[in-house]
C-alpha atoms as a PDB file:
ATOM      1  CA  UNK A   1      11.130  -8.623  -6.883  1.00  0.00           C
ATOM      2  CA  UNK A   2       9.742  -8.199 -10.401  1.00  0.00           C
ATOM      3  CA  UNK A   3       7.078 -10.809  -9.754  1.00  0.00           C
ATOM      4  CA  UNK A   4       6.225  -9.091  -6.483  1.00  0.00           C
ATOM      5  CA  UNK A   5       5.158  -5.945  -8.320  1.00  0.00           C
ATOM      6  CA  UNK A   6       2.408  -7.787 -10.173  1.00  0.00           C
ATOM      7  CA  UNK A   7       1.512  -9.961  -7.190  1.00  0.00           C
ATOM      8  CA  UNK A   8       1.135  -6.874  -4.989  1.00  0.00           C
ATOM      9  CA  UNK A   9      -1.351  -5.339  -7.418  1.00  0.00           C
ATOM     10  CA  UNK A  10      -3.429  -8.516  -7.549  1.00  0.00           C
ATOM     11  CA  UNK A  11      -3.339  -9.108  -3.772  1.00  0.00           C
ATOM     12  CA  UNK A  12      -4.250  -5.521  -2.888  1.00  0.00           C
ATOM     13  CA  UNK A  13      -7.015  -5.476  -5.507  1.00  0.00           C
ATOM     14  CA  UNK A  14      -8.448  -8.628  -3.965  1.00  0.00           C
ATOM     15  CA  UNK A  15      -8.314  -7.172  -0.449  1.00  0.00           C
ATOM     16  CA  UNK A  16      -9.833  -3.837  -1.444  1.00  0.00           C
ATOM     17  CA  UNK A  17     -12.573  -5.435  -3.555  1.00  0.00           C
ATOM     18  CA  UNK A  18     -13.881  -7.474  -0.622  1.00  0.00           C
ATOM     19  CA  UNK A  19     -14.149  -4.491   1.722  1.00  0.00           C
ATOM     20  CA  UNK A  20     -17.108  -2.191   1.603  1.00  0.00           C
ATOM     21  CA  UNK A  21     -16.485   1.093   3.305  1.00  0.00           C
ATOM     22  CA  UNK A  22     -19.335   3.378   4.205  1.00  0.00           C
ATOM     23  CA  UNK A  23     -18.906   6.780   5.755  1.00  0.00           C
ATOM     24  CA  UNK A  24     -15.703   8.833   5.836  1.00  0.00           C
ATOM     25  CA  UNK A  25     -13.422   6.082   4.517  1.00  0.00           C
ATOM     26  CA  UNK A  26     -11.055   3.361   5.624  1.00  0.00           C
ATOM     27  CA  UNK A  27      -9.429   3.875   8.984  1.00  0.00           C
ATOM     28  CA  UNK A  28      -6.197   2.563  10.522  1.00  0.00           C
ATOM     29  CA  UNK A  29      -7.670  -0.861  11.322  1.00  0.00           C
ATOM     30  CA  UNK A  30      -8.781  -1.455   7.738  1.00  0.00           C
ATOM     31  CA  UNK A  31      -5.416  -0.274   6.390  1.00  0.00           C
ATOM     32  CA  UNK A  32      -3.211  -2.372   8.691  1.00  0.00           C
ATOM     33  CA  UNK A  33      -3.092  -5.477   6.478  1.00  0.00           C
ATOM     34  CA  UNK A  34      -2.554  -3.620   3.168  1.00  0.00           C
ATOM     35  CA  UNK A  35       0.220  -1.501   4.706  1.00  0.00           C
ATOM     36  CA  UNK A  36       1.966  -4.608   6.048  1.00  0.00           C
ATOM     37  CA  UNK A  37       1.659  -6.249   2.620  1.00  0.00           C
ATOM     38  CA  UNK A  38       3.312  -3.195   1.060  1.00  0.00           C
ATOM     39  CA  UNK A  39       6.035  -2.718   3.682  1.00  0.00           C
ATOM     40  CA  UNK A  40       7.297  -6.317   3.856  1.00  0.00           C
ATOM     41  CA  UNK A  41       8.318  -6.593   0.170  1.00  0.00           C
ATOM     42  CA  UNK A  42       9.569  -3.000   0.212  1.00  0.00           C
ATOM     43  CA  UNK A  43      11.930  -3.684   3.114  1.00  0.00           C
ATOM     44  CA  UNK A  44      13.112  -6.995   1.645  1.00  0.00           C
ATOM     45  CA  UNK A  45      13.871  -5.440  -1.749  1.00  0.00           C
ATOM     46  CA  UNK A  46      15.639  -2.407  -0.255  1.00  0.00           C
ATOM     47  CA  UNK A  47      17.845  -4.769   1.789  1.00  0.00           C
ATOM     48  CA  UNK A  48      19.144  -6.357  -1.460  1.00  0.00           C
ATOM     49  CA  UNK A  49      20.005  -3.283  -2.157  1.00  0.00           C
ATOM     50  CA  UNK A  50      17.683  -2.311  -4.979  1.00  0.00           C
ATOM     51  CA  UNK A  51      16.215   1.065  -4.141  1.00  0.00           C
ATOM     52  CA  UNK A  52      14.688   1.538  -7.604  1.00  0.00           C
ATOM     53  CA  UNK A  53      12.523  -1.564  -7.421  1.00  0.00           C
ATOM     54  CA  UNK A  54      11.716  -0.839  -3.773  1.00  0.00           C
ATOM     55  CA  UNK A  55      10.544   2.621  -4.758  1.00  0.00           C
ATOM     56  CA  UNK A  56       8.357   1.122  -7.481  1.00  0.00           C
ATOM     57  CA  UNK A  57       6.755  -1.265  -4.973  1.00  0.00           C
ATOM     58  CA  UNK A  58       6.081   1.655  -2.637  1.00  0.00           C
ATOM     59  CA  UNK A  59       4.666   3.720  -5.519  1.00  0.00           C
ATOM     60  CA  UNK A  60       2.375   0.886  -6.618  1.00  0.00           C
ATOM     61  CA  UNK A  61       1.067   0.371  -3.089  1.00  0.00           C
ATOM     62  CA  UNK A  62       0.729   4.097  -2.449  1.00  0.00           C
ATOM     63  CA  UNK A  63      -1.174   4.725  -5.667  1.00  0.00           C
ATOM     64  CA  UNK A  64      -3.614   1.918  -4.859  1.00  0.00           C
ATOM     65  CA  UNK A  65      -4.140   3.403  -1.402  1.00  0.00           C
ATOM     66  CA  UNK A  66      -4.821   6.820  -2.896  1.00  0.00           C
ATOM     67  CA  UNK A  67      -7.440   5.358  -5.250  1.00  0.00           C
ATOM     68  CA  UNK A  68      -9.298   3.733  -2.369  1.00  0.00           C
ATOM     69  CA  UNK A  69     -11.579   5.620  -0.033  1.00  0.00           C
ATOM     70  CA  UNK A  70      -9.155   6.446   2.796  1.00  0.00           C
ATOM     71  CA  UNK A  71      -9.672   9.077   5.467  1.00  0.00           C
ATOM     72  CA  UNK A  72      -7.977  12.334   4.527  1.00  0.00           C
ATOM     73  CA  UNK A  73      -6.045  12.684   7.794  1.00  0.00           C
ATOM     74  CA  UNK A  74      -4.386   9.315   7.165  1.00  0.00           C
ATOM     75  CA  UNK A  75      -3.222  10.362   3.716  1.00  0.00           C
ATOM     76  CA  UNK A  76      -1.944  13.683   5.083  1.00  0.00           C
ATOM     77  CA  UNK A  77      -0.059  11.872   7.856  1.00  0.00           C
ATOM     78  CA  UNK A  78       1.558   9.454   5.392  1.00  0.00           C
ATOM     79  CA  UNK A  79       2.635  12.322   3.142  1.00  0.00           C
ATOM     80  CA  UNK A  80       4.199  14.179   6.069  1.00  0.00           C
ATOM     81  CA  UNK A  81       5.998  11.044   7.301  1.00  0.00           C
ATOM     82  CA  UNK A  82       7.373  10.242   3.835  1.00  0.00           C
END
């Protein structure tokens, strides 16, 4: 789980660096793969149970999503759901 924190940063940085988004921002289709890559380790770590590390993985993924150009309604929806 500790290695996954660093690996998640590198993997998401690679994915986001190869995508060029013009217009209002990334939509649900562009965010599907990054969200899956965040949710899979989060669920696996929380099942251990290690909520602290799971929360850190979610925070890392969420902060990277906030720094990318994402449509505002998607961010608002995620905040409401969380």
